[in-house]
Protein backbone atom coordinates (compact mmCIF):
# COMPACT_ATOMS: atom_id res chain seq x y z
CA MET A 1 190.03 123.67 26.88
CA THR A 2 187.34 124.51 29.20
CA THR A 3 186.59 123.00 32.36
CA GLN A 4 183.03 122.25 33.56
CA LYS A 5 181.86 122.50 37.14
CA MET A 6 179.87 119.75 38.28
CA GLU A 7 177.36 120.65 41.06
CA VAL A 8 177.33 118.12 43.72
CA ASN A 9 174.17 117.78 45.71
CA THR A 10 175.03 117.03 49.31
CA GLU A 11 171.75 117.08 50.59
CA THR A 12 170.52 113.68 51.91
CA CYS A 13 167.12 114.64 52.40
CA PRO A 14 164.73 116.59 50.36
CA ALA A 15 163.54 118.42 53.42
CA GLN A 16 166.84 119.87 54.18
CA LEU A 17 166.71 121.55 50.64
CA LEU A 18 163.34 123.03 51.44
CA LEU A 19 164.42 124.17 54.92
CA LYS A 20 167.58 125.84 53.16
CA LEU A 21 165.31 127.81 50.65
CA LEU A 22 162.85 128.85 53.43
CA SER A 23 165.24 129.95 56.06
CA GLY A 24 165.91 133.84 56.33
CA LYS A 25 164.72 136.83 58.36
CA TRP A 26 161.37 137.34 56.32
CA LYS A 27 160.82 134.14 54.19
CA PRO A 28 158.88 132.19 56.82
CA GLU A 29 156.48 135.01 57.69
CA ILE A 30 155.94 135.97 53.98
CA PHE A 31 155.26 132.23 53.12
CA ARG A 32 152.79 131.93 56.19
CA LEU A 33 150.88 135.00 54.91
CA ALA A 34 150.68 133.97 51.20
CA VAL A 35 149.15 130.77 52.15
CA ILE A 36 146.46 132.74 53.94
CA GLY A 37 145.80 134.46 50.62
CA PRO A 38 146.98 137.07 48.05
CA LEU A 39 148.47 140.27 49.48
CA ARG A 40 149.36 143.64 47.89
CA PHE A 41 152.98 144.58 48.62
CA SER A 42 151.92 147.59 50.95
CA ASN A 43 149.52 145.41 52.75
CA LEU A 44 152.45 142.92 53.21
CA LEU A 45 154.71 145.55 54.77
CA ARG A 46 152.03 146.63 57.07
CA ARG A 47 151.59 143.00 58.43
CA LEU A 48 155.26 142.29 58.79
CA GLU A 49 156.39 143.93 62.08
CA GLY A 50 159.78 145.70 61.63
CA SER A 51 159.78 145.72 57.92
CA ASN A 52 160.24 148.63 55.48
CA LYS A 53 160.49 149.52 51.85
CA GLN A 54 164.22 149.31 51.72
């Protein structure tokens, strides 16, 4: 017999899920730059202060 895990969505507001997905050290800044226009990876690294390839 196999057991199935049911994923329970505890989010009460769709905005909470969006904020969870966009939270992090670099994601908000990358998202902001992506809205302005497409960037090559090396260009993105230059624009993100304190970032490196690692």
